Full PDB file with SEQRES, HELIX, SHEET, SSBOND, CRYST1, ORIGX, SCALE, CONECT and MASTER records, all heavy atoms in Angstrom:
SEQRES   1 A   33  GLY GLY GLN LEU VAL SER MET ALA LEU GLY MET THR ALA          
SEQRES   2 A   33  LEU VAL PHE PHE GLY LEU SER ALA TYR ALA ILE ILE THR          
SEQRES   3 A   33  ARG LYS ASP PHE SER PHE LEU                                  
HELIX    1 AA1 GLY A    2  THR A   26  1                                  25    
CRYST1    1.000    1.000    1.000  90.00  90.00  90.00 P 1           1          
ORIGX1      1.000000  0.000000  0.000000        0.00000                         
ORIGX2      0.000000  1.000000  0.000000        0.00000                         
ORIGX3      0.000000  0.000000  1.000000        0.00000                         
SCALE1      1.000000  0.000000  0.000000        0.00000                         
SCALE2      0.000000  1.000000  0.000000        0.00000                         
SCALE3      0.000000  0.000000  1.000000        0.00000                         
ATOM      1  N   GLY A   1      18.198 -20.829 -21.328  1.00  0.00           N  
ATOM      2  CA  GLY A   1      16.880 -21.489 -21.361  1.00  0.00           C  
ATOM      3  C   GLY A   1      16.044 -21.289 -20.131  1.00  0.00           C  
ATOM      4  O   GLY A   1      14.831 -21.065 -20.231  1.00  0.00           O  
ATOM      5  N   GLY A   2      16.685 -21.345 -18.959  1.00  0.00           N  
ATOM      6  CA  GLY A   2      15.917 -21.163 -17.730  1.00  0.00           C  
ATOM      7  C   GLY A   2      15.259 -19.792 -17.657  1.00  0.00           C  
ATOM      8  O   GLY A   2      14.126 -19.649 -17.202  1.00  0.00           O  
ATOM      9  N   GLN A   3      15.968 -18.779 -18.130  1.00  0.00           N  
ATOM     10  CA  GLN A   3      15.435 -17.429 -18.129  1.00  0.00           C  
ATOM     11  C   GLN A   3      14.276 -17.297 -19.096  1.00  0.00           C  
ATOM     12  O   GLN A   3      13.264 -16.655 -18.792  1.00  0.00           O  
ATOM     13  CB  GLN A   3      16.535 -16.433 -18.503  1.00  0.00           C  
ATOM     14  CG  GLN A   3      16.075 -14.987 -18.489  1.00  0.00           C  
ATOM     15  CD  GLN A   3      17.195 -14.034 -18.898  1.00  0.00           C  
ATOM     16  OE1 GLN A   3      18.286 -14.457 -19.254  1.00  0.00           O  
ATOM     17  NE2 GLN A   3      16.905 -12.741 -18.855  1.00  0.00           N  
ATOM     18  N   LEU A   4      14.385 -17.949 -20.258  1.00  0.00           N  
ATOM     19  CA  LEU A   4      13.314 -17.901 -21.246  1.00  0.00           C  
ATOM     20  C   LEU A   4      12.029 -18.549 -20.705  1.00  0.00           C  
ATOM     21  O   LEU A   4      10.930 -18.002 -20.844  1.00  0.00           O  
ATOM     22  CB  LEU A   4      13.737 -18.622 -22.537  1.00  0.00           C  
ATOM     23  CG  LEU A   4      14.819 -17.964 -23.379  1.00  0.00           C  
ATOM     24  CD1 LEU A   4      15.164 -18.847 -24.586  1.00  0.00           C  
ATOM     25  CD2 LEU A   4      14.360 -16.593 -23.864  1.00  0.00           C  
ATOM     26  N   VAL A   5      12.185 -19.718 -20.075  1.00  0.00           N  
ATOM     27  CA  VAL A   5      11.015 -20.421 -19.521  1.00  0.00           C  
ATOM     28  C   VAL A   5      10.382 -19.601 -18.412  1.00  0.00           C  
ATOM     29  O   VAL A   5       9.143 -19.465 -18.335  1.00  0.00           O  
ATOM     30  CB  VAL A   5      11.420 -21.805 -19.002  1.00  0.00           C  
ATOM     31  CG1 VAL A   5      10.270 -22.470 -18.275  1.00  0.00           C  
ATOM     32  CG2 VAL A   5      11.895 -22.698 -20.158  1.00  0.00           C  
ATOM     33  N   SER A   6      11.197 -19.019 -17.548  1.00  0.00           N  
ATOM     34  CA  SER A   6      10.668 -18.198 -16.445  1.00  0.00           C  
ATOM     35  C   SER A   6       9.924 -16.970 -16.969  1.00  0.00           C  
ATOM     36  O   SER A   6       8.863 -16.618 -16.457  1.00  0.00           O  
ATOM     37  CB  SER A   6      11.814 -17.768 -15.524  1.00  0.00           C  
ATOM     38  OG  SER A   6      12.450 -18.865 -14.920  1.00  0.00           O  
ATOM     39  N   MET A   7      10.501 -16.326 -18.007  1.00  0.00           N  
ATOM     40  CA  MET A   7       9.851 -15.148 -18.592  1.00  0.00           C  
ATOM     41  C   MET A   7       8.540 -15.538 -19.223  1.00  0.00           C  
ATOM     42  O   MET A   7       7.529 -14.804 -19.094  1.00  0.00           O  
ATOM     43  CB  MET A   7      10.763 -14.496 -19.617  1.00  0.00           C  
ATOM     44  CG  MET A   7      11.979 -13.773 -19.018  1.00  0.00           C  
ATOM     45  SD  MET A   7      13.041 -13.084 -20.299  1.00  0.00           S  
ATOM     46  CE  MET A   7      11.912 -11.930 -21.094  1.00  0.00           C  
ATOM     47  N   ALA A   8       8.521 -16.674 -19.929  1.00  0.00           N  
ATOM     48  CA  ALA A   8       7.287 -17.115 -20.578  1.00  0.00           C  
ATOM     49  C   ALA A   8       6.207 -17.427 -19.545  1.00  0.00           C  
ATOM     50  O   ALA A   8       5.019 -17.084 -19.731  1.00  0.00           O  
ATOM     51  CB  ALA A   8       7.535 -18.337 -21.441  1.00  0.00           C  
ATOM     52  N   LEU A   9       6.580 -18.083 -18.455  1.00  0.00           N  
ATOM     53  CA  LEU A   9       5.645 -18.375 -17.379  1.00  0.00           C  
ATOM     54  C   LEU A   9       5.095 -17.100 -16.757  1.00  0.00           C  
ATOM     55  O   LEU A   9       3.868 -16.955 -16.542  1.00  0.00           O  
ATOM     56  CB  LEU A   9       6.307 -19.225 -16.286  1.00  0.00           C  
ATOM     57  CG  LEU A   9       6.443 -20.738 -16.551  1.00  0.00           C  
ATOM     58  CD1 LEU A   9       7.287 -21.379 -15.467  1.00  0.00           C  
ATOM     59  CD2 LEU A   9       5.068 -21.385 -16.614  1.00  0.00           C  
ATOM     60  N   GLY A  10       5.976 -16.147 -16.467  1.00  0.00           N  
ATOM     61  CA  GLY A  10       5.533 -14.887 -15.884  1.00  0.00           C  
ATOM     62  C   GLY A  10       4.621 -14.101 -16.794  1.00  0.00           C  
ATOM     63  O   GLY A  10       3.589 -13.567 -16.334  1.00  0.00           O  
ATOM     64  N   MET A  11       4.966 -14.042 -18.075  1.00  0.00           N  
ATOM     65  CA  MET A  11       4.118 -13.329 -19.022  1.00  0.00           C  
ATOM     66  C   MET A  11       2.760 -13.999 -19.203  1.00  0.00           C  
ATOM     67  O   MET A  11       1.735 -13.341 -19.312  1.00  0.00           O  
ATOM     68  CB  MET A  11       4.833 -13.216 -20.360  1.00  0.00           C  
ATOM     69  CG  MET A  11       6.068 -12.323 -20.338  1.00  0.00           C  
ATOM     70  SD  MET A  11       7.009 -12.379 -21.884  1.00  0.00           S  
ATOM     71  CE  MET A  11       5.859 -11.594 -23.005  1.00  0.00           C  
ATOM     72  N   THR A  12       2.769 -15.344 -19.200  1.00  0.00           N  
ATOM     73  CA  THR A  12       1.502 -16.071 -19.317  1.00  0.00           C  
ATOM     74  C   THR A  12       0.593 -15.769 -18.147  1.00  0.00           C  
ATOM     75  O   THR A  12      -0.614 -15.504 -18.325  1.00  0.00           O  
ATOM     76  CB  THR A  12       1.769 -17.591 -19.401  1.00  0.00           C  
ATOM     77  OG1 THR A  12       2.572 -17.870 -20.555  1.00  0.00           O  
ATOM     78  CG2 THR A  12       0.466 -18.348 -19.523  1.00  0.00           C  
ATOM     79  N   ALA A  13       1.148 -15.802 -16.926  1.00  0.00           N  
ATOM     80  CA  ALA A  13       0.351 -15.521 -15.734  1.00  0.00           C  
ATOM     81  C   ALA A  13      -0.172 -14.095 -15.767  1.00  0.00           C  
ATOM     82  O   ALA A  13      -1.331 -13.842 -15.428  1.00  0.00           O  
ATOM     83  CB  ALA A  13       1.204 -15.756 -14.489  1.00  0.00           C  
ATOM     84  N   LEU A  14       0.687 -13.172 -16.191  1.00  0.00           N  
ATOM     85  CA  LEU A  14       0.282 -11.750 -16.232  1.00  0.00           C  
ATOM     86  C   LEU A  14      -0.842 -11.541 -17.232  1.00  0.00           C  
ATOM     87  O   LEU A  14      -1.845 -10.852 -16.931  1.00  0.00           O  
ATOM     88  CB  LEU A  14       1.485 -10.883 -16.630  1.00  0.00           C  
ATOM     89  CG  LEU A  14       1.242  -9.375 -16.647  1.00  0.00           C  
ATOM     90  CD1 LEU A  14       0.885  -8.881 -15.260  1.00  0.00           C  
ATOM     91  CD2 LEU A  14       2.516  -8.655 -17.150  1.00  0.00           C  
ATOM     92  N   VAL A  15      -0.744 -12.145 -18.422  1.00  0.00           N  
ATOM     93  CA  VAL A  15      -1.788 -11.993 -19.425  1.00  0.00           C  
ATOM     94  C   VAL A  15      -3.093 -12.625 -18.978  1.00  0.00           C  
ATOM     95  O   VAL A  15      -4.159 -12.013 -19.082  1.00  0.00           O  
ATOM     96  CB  VAL A  15      -1.337 -12.624 -20.766  1.00  0.00           C  
ATOM     97  CG1 VAL A  15      -2.490 -12.676 -21.758  1.00  0.00           C  
ATOM     98  CG2 VAL A  15      -0.167 -11.833 -21.357  1.00  0.00           C  
ATOM     99  N   PHE A  16      -2.999 -13.848 -18.432  1.00  0.00           N  
ATOM    100  CA  PHE A  16      -4.221 -14.545 -18.016  1.00  0.00           C  
ATOM    101  C   PHE A  16      -4.958 -13.812 -16.905  1.00  0.00           C  
ATOM    102  O   PHE A  16      -6.164 -13.544 -17.007  1.00  0.00           O  
ATOM    103  CB  PHE A  16      -3.901 -15.971 -17.569  1.00  0.00           C  
ATOM    104  CG  PHE A  16      -5.065 -16.694 -16.970  1.00  0.00           C  
ATOM    105  CD1 PHE A  16      -6.102 -17.140 -17.779  1.00  0.00           C  
ATOM    106  CD2 PHE A  16      -5.169 -16.926 -15.618  1.00  0.00           C  
ATOM    107  CE1 PHE A  16      -7.227 -17.766 -17.243  1.00  0.00           C  
ATOM    108  CE2 PHE A  16      -6.241 -17.572 -15.062  1.00  0.00           C  
ATOM    109  CZ  PHE A  16      -7.285 -18.002 -15.880  1.00  0.00           C  
ATOM    110  N   PHE A  17      -4.239 -13.462 -15.852  1.00  0.00           N  
ATOM    111  CA  PHE A  17      -4.886 -12.782 -14.721  1.00  0.00           C  
ATOM    112  C   PHE A  17      -5.336 -11.375 -15.094  1.00  0.00           C  
ATOM    113  O   PHE A  17      -6.382 -10.910 -14.611  1.00  0.00           O  
ATOM    114  CB  PHE A  17      -3.960 -12.760 -13.504  1.00  0.00           C  
ATOM    115  CG  PHE A  17      -3.809 -14.093 -12.831  1.00  0.00           C  
ATOM    116  CD1 PHE A  17      -2.591 -14.753 -12.834  1.00  0.00           C  
ATOM    117  CD2 PHE A  17      -4.866 -14.692 -12.209  1.00  0.00           C  
ATOM    118  CE1 PHE A  17      -2.460 -15.994 -12.240  1.00  0.00           C  
ATOM    119  CE2 PHE A  17      -4.759 -15.946 -11.595  1.00  0.00           C  
ATOM    120  CZ  PHE A  17      -3.538 -16.581 -11.608  1.00  0.00           C  
ATOM    121  N   GLY A  18      -4.567 -10.707 -15.945  1.00  0.00           N  
ATOM    122  CA  GLY A  18      -4.975  -9.372 -16.374  1.00  0.00           C  
ATOM    123  C   GLY A  18      -6.227  -9.380 -17.180  1.00  0.00           C  
ATOM    124  O   GLY A  18      -7.164  -8.599 -16.934  1.00  0.00           O  
ATOM    125  N   LEU A  19      -6.323 -10.286 -18.153  1.00  0.00           N  
ATOM    126  CA  LEU A  19      -7.528 -10.382 -18.997  1.00  0.00           C  
ATOM    127  C   LEU A  19      -8.727 -10.857 -18.210  1.00  0.00           C  
ATOM    128  O   LEU A  19      -9.842 -10.357 -18.366  1.00  0.00           O  
ATOM    129  CB  LEU A  19      -7.277 -11.307 -20.186  1.00  0.00           C  
ATOM    130  CG  LEU A  19      -6.265 -10.811 -21.218  1.00  0.00           C  
ATOM    131  CD1 LEU A  19      -6.021 -11.898 -22.269  1.00  0.00           C  
ATOM    132  CD2 LEU A  19      -6.743  -9.535 -21.874  1.00  0.00           C  
ATOM    133  N   SER A  20      -8.520 -11.843 -17.347  1.00  0.00           N  
ATOM    134  CA  SER A  20      -9.605 -12.360 -16.497  1.00  0.00           C  
ATOM    135  C   SER A  20     -10.146 -11.266 -15.584  1.00  0.00           C  
ATOM    136  O   SER A  20     -11.363 -11.093 -15.439  1.00  0.00           O  
ATOM    137  CB  SER A  20      -9.155 -13.559 -15.688  1.00  0.00           C  
ATOM    138  OG  SER A  20      -8.756 -14.628 -16.540  1.00  0.00           O  
ATOM    139  N   ALA A  21      -9.246 -10.544 -14.953  1.00  0.00           N  
ATOM    140  CA  ALA A  21      -9.641  -9.464 -14.041  1.00  0.00           C  
ATOM    141  C   ALA A  21     -10.399  -8.388 -14.801  1.00  0.00           C  
ATOM    142  O   ALA A  21     -11.413  -7.859 -14.287  1.00  0.00           O  
ATOM    143  CB  ALA A  21      -8.432  -8.867 -13.350  1.00  0.00           C  
ATOM    144  N   TYR A  22      -9.944  -8.052 -15.989  1.00  0.00           N  
ATOM    145  CA  TYR A  22     -10.611  -7.038 -16.789  1.00  0.00           C  
ATOM    146  C   TYR A  22     -12.038  -7.456 -17.131  1.00  0.00           C  
ATOM    147  O   TYR A  22     -12.987  -6.657 -17.006  1.00  0.00           O  
ATOM    148  CB  TYR A  22      -9.839  -6.779 -18.084  1.00  0.00           C  
ATOM    149  CG  TYR A  22     -10.495  -5.764 -18.991  1.00  0.00           C  
ATOM    150  CD1 TYR A  22     -10.458  -4.412 -18.661  1.00  0.00           C  
ATOM    151  CD2 TYR A  22     -11.137  -6.142 -20.151  1.00  0.00           C  
ATOM    152  CE1 TYR A  22     -11.053  -3.470 -19.510  1.00  0.00           C  
ATOM    153  CE2 TYR A  22     -11.746  -5.232 -20.986  1.00  0.00           C  
ATOM    154  CZ  TYR A  22     -11.691  -3.884 -20.652  1.00  0.00           C  
ATOM    155  OH  TYR A  22     -12.290  -2.965 -21.473  1.00  0.00           O  
ATOM    156  N   ALA A  23     -12.217  -8.704 -17.533  1.00  0.00           N  
ATOM    157  CA  ALA A  23     -13.549  -9.210 -17.898  1.00  0.00           C  
ATOM    158  C   ALA A  23     -14.468  -9.247 -16.678  1.00  0.00           C  
ATOM    159  O   ALA A  23     -15.659  -8.947 -16.779  1.00  0.00           O  
ATOM    160  CB  ALA A  23     -13.442 -10.602 -18.526  1.00  0.00           C  
ATOM    161  N   ILE A  24     -13.900  -9.640 -15.508  1.00  0.00           N  
ATOM    162  CA  ILE A  24     -14.706  -9.774 -14.309  1.00  0.00           C  
ATOM    163  C   ILE A  24     -15.103  -8.400 -13.757  1.00  0.00           C  
ATOM    164  O   ILE A  24     -16.245  -8.157 -13.384  1.00  0.00           O  
ATOM    165  CB  ILE A  24     -13.950 -10.584 -13.232  1.00  0.00           C  
ATOM    166  CG1 ILE A  24     -13.787 -12.023 -13.700  1.00  0.00           C  
ATOM    167  CG2 ILE A  24     -14.690 -10.527 -11.893  1.00  0.00           C  
ATOM    168  CD1 ILE A  24     -12.880 -12.850 -12.820  1.00  0.00           C  
ATOM    169  N   ILE A  25     -14.133  -7.497 -13.718  1.00  0.00           N  
ATOM    170  CA  ILE A  25     -14.382  -6.163 -13.120  1.00  0.00           C  
ATOM    171  C   ILE A  25     -15.309  -5.321 -13.999  1.00  0.00           C  
ATOM    172  O   ILE A  25     -16.257  -4.735 -13.516  1.00  0.00           O  
ATOM    173  CB  ILE A  25     -13.053  -5.429 -12.887  1.00  0.00           C  
ATOM    174  CG1 ILE A  25     -12.245  -6.132 -11.826  1.00  0.00           C  
ATOM    175  CG2 ILE A  25     -13.310  -3.964 -12.462  1.00  0.00           C  
ATOM    176  CD1 ILE A  25     -10.841  -5.592 -11.636  1.00  0.00           C  
ATOM    177  N   THR A  26     -15.042  -5.289 -15.285  1.00  0.00           N  
ATOM    178  CA  THR A  26     -15.877  -4.471 -16.168  1.00  0.00           C  
ATOM    179  C   THR A  26     -17.210  -5.131 -16.520  1.00  0.00           C  
ATOM    180  O   THR A  26     -18.168  -4.452 -16.868  1.00  0.00           O  
ATOM    181  CB  THR A  26     -15.126  -4.180 -17.500  1.00  0.00           C  
ATOM    182  OG1 THR A  26     -14.875  -5.417 -18.203  1.00  0.00           O  
ATOM    183  CG2 THR A  26     -13.782  -3.507 -17.209  1.00  0.00           C  
ATOM    184  N   ARG A  27     -17.234  -6.481 -16.438  1.00  0.00           N  
ATOM    185  CA  ARG A  27     -18.431  -7.260 -16.803  1.00  0.00           C  
ATOM    186  C   ARG A  27     -18.913  -6.951 -18.213  1.00  0.00           C  
ATOM    187  O   ARG A  27     -20.103  -7.020 -18.521  1.00  0.00           O  
ATOM    188  CB  ARG A  27     -19.558  -7.007 -15.803  1.00  0.00           C  
ATOM    189  CG  ARG A  27     -19.284  -7.620 -14.443  1.00  0.00           C  
ATOM    190  CD  ARG A  27     -20.474  -7.546 -13.497  1.00  0.00           C  
ATOM    191  NE  ARG A  27     -20.220  -8.330 -12.321  1.00  0.00           N  
ATOM    192  CZ  ARG A  27     -20.554  -9.614 -12.155  1.00  0.00           C  
ATOM    193  NH1 ARG A  27     -21.133 -10.238 -13.156  1.00  0.00           N  
ATOM    194  NH2 ARG A  27     -20.291 -10.238 -11.031  1.00  0.00           N  
ATOM    195  N   LYS A  28     -17.967  -6.657 -19.083  1.00  0.00           N  
ATOM    196  CA  LYS A  28     -18.309  -6.434 -20.484  1.00  0.00           C  
ATOM    197  C   LYS A  28     -18.631  -7.765 -21.144  1.00  0.00           C  
ATOM    198  O   LYS A  28     -18.111  -8.809 -20.777  1.00  0.00           O  
ATOM    199  CB  LYS A  28     -17.129  -5.778 -21.228  1.00  0.00           C  
ATOM    200  CG  LYS A  28     -16.910  -4.328 -20.827  1.00  0.00           C  
ATOM    201  CD  LYS A  28     -15.778  -3.712 -21.645  1.00  0.00           C  
ATOM    202  CE  LYS A  28     -16.126  -3.651 -23.115  1.00  0.00           C  
ATOM    203  NZ  LYS A  28     -15.077  -2.958 -23.928  1.00  0.00           N  
ATOM    204  N   ASP A  29     -19.516  -7.711 -22.111  1.00  0.00           N  
ATOM    205  CA  ASP A  29     -19.907  -8.909 -22.846  1.00  0.00           C  
ATOM    206  C   ASP A  29     -18.996  -9.048 -24.071  1.00  0.00           C  
ATOM    207  O   ASP A  29     -19.051  -8.226 -25.001  1.00  0.00           O  
ATOM    208  CB  ASP A  29     -21.373  -8.799 -23.290  1.00  0.00           C  
ATOM    209  CG  ASP A  29     -21.885 -10.076 -23.933  1.00  0.00           C  
ATOM    210  OD1 ASP A  29     -21.102 -11.019 -24.096  1.00  0.00           O  
ATOM    211  OD2 ASP A  29     -23.086 -10.154 -24.272  1.00  0.00           O  
ATOM    212  N   PHE A  30     -18.167 -10.089 -24.058  1.00  0.00           N  
ATOM    213  CA  PHE A  30     -17.223 -10.293 -25.143  1.00  0.00           C  
ATOM    214  C   PHE A  30     -17.704 -11.398 -26.098  1.00  0.00           C  
ATOM    215  O   PHE A  30     -16.902 -12.002 -26.821  1.00  0.00           O  
ATOM    216  CB  PHE A  30     -15.840 -10.684 -24.592  1.00  0.00           C  
ATOM    217  CG  PHE A  30     -15.119  -9.535 -23.953  1.00  0.00           C  
ATOM    218  CD1 PHE A  30     -15.163  -9.363 -22.569  1.00  0.00           C  
ATOM    219  CD2 PHE A  30     -14.417  -8.630 -24.734  1.00  0.00           C  
ATOM    220  CE1 PHE A  30     -14.472  -8.300 -21.980  1.00  0.00           C  
ATOM    221  CE2 PHE A  30     -13.742  -7.576 -24.137  1.00  0.00           C  
ATOM    222  CZ  PHE A  30     -13.766  -7.419 -22.764  1.00  0.00           C  
ATOM    223  N   SER A  31     -19.019 -11.623 -26.147  1.00  0.00           N  
ATOM    224  CA  SER A  31     -19.545 -12.617 -27.062  1.00  0.00           C  
ATOM    225  C   SER A  31     -19.309 -12.275 -28.497  1.00  0.00           C  
ATOM    226  O   SER A  31     -19.324 -13.127 -29.388  1.00  0.00           O  
ATOM    227  CB  SER A  31     -21.061 -12.824 -26.800  1.00  0.00           C  
ATOM    228  OG  SER A  31     -21.767 -11.609 -27.012  1.00  0.00           O  
ATOM    229  N   PHE A  32     -19.063 -10.975 -28.781  1.00  0.00           N  
ATOM    230  CA  PHE A  32     -18.832 -10.551 -30.172  1.00  0.00           C  
ATOM    231  C   PHE A  32     -17.505 -11.121 -30.688  1.00  0.00           C  
ATOM    232  O   PHE A  32     -17.254 -11.079 -31.909  1.00  0.00           O  
ATOM    233  CB  PHE A  32     -18.785  -9.025 -30.246  1.00  0.00           C  
ATOM    234  CG  PHE A  32     -17.668  -8.369 -29.491  1.00  0.00           C  
ATOM    235  CD1 PHE A  32     -16.428  -8.174 -30.089  1.00  0.00           C  
ATOM    236  CD2 PHE A  32     -17.842  -7.974 -28.189  1.00  0.00           C  
ATOM    237  CE1 PHE A  32     -15.386  -7.576 -29.399  1.00  0.00           C  
ATOM    238  CE2 PHE A  32     -16.807  -7.361 -27.466  1.00  0.00           C  
ATOM    239  CZ  PHE A  32     -15.585  -7.179 -28.092  1.00  0.00           C  
ATOM    240  N   LEU A  33     -16.670 -11.662 -29.794  1.00  0.00           N  
ATOM    241  CA  LEU A  33     -15.397 -12.233 -30.229  1.00  0.00           C  
ATOM    242  C   LEU A  33     -15.527 -13.628 -30.854  1.00  0.00           C  
ATOM    243  O   LEU A  33     -14.565 -14.184 -31.348  1.00  0.00           O  
ATOM    244  CB  LEU A  33     -14.425 -12.322 -29.033  1.00  0.00           C  
ATOM    245  CG  LEU A  33     -13.853 -11.011 -28.498  1.00  0.00           C  
ATOM    246  CD1 LEU A  33     -13.036 -11.273 -27.238  1.00  0.00           C  
ATOM    247  CD2 LEU A  33     -12.991 -10.321 -29.565  1.00  0.00           C  
TER     248      LEU A  33                                                      
MASTER        0    0    0    1    0    0    0    6  247    1    0    3          
END                                                                             
């Protein structure tokens, strides 16, 4: 269980910061979503 929770936390952080950085750096308009 501890490994599962740690992996989920790490993946969540990676997805959030990766997507946020992509939107900020490219400044693409994702209003179509």
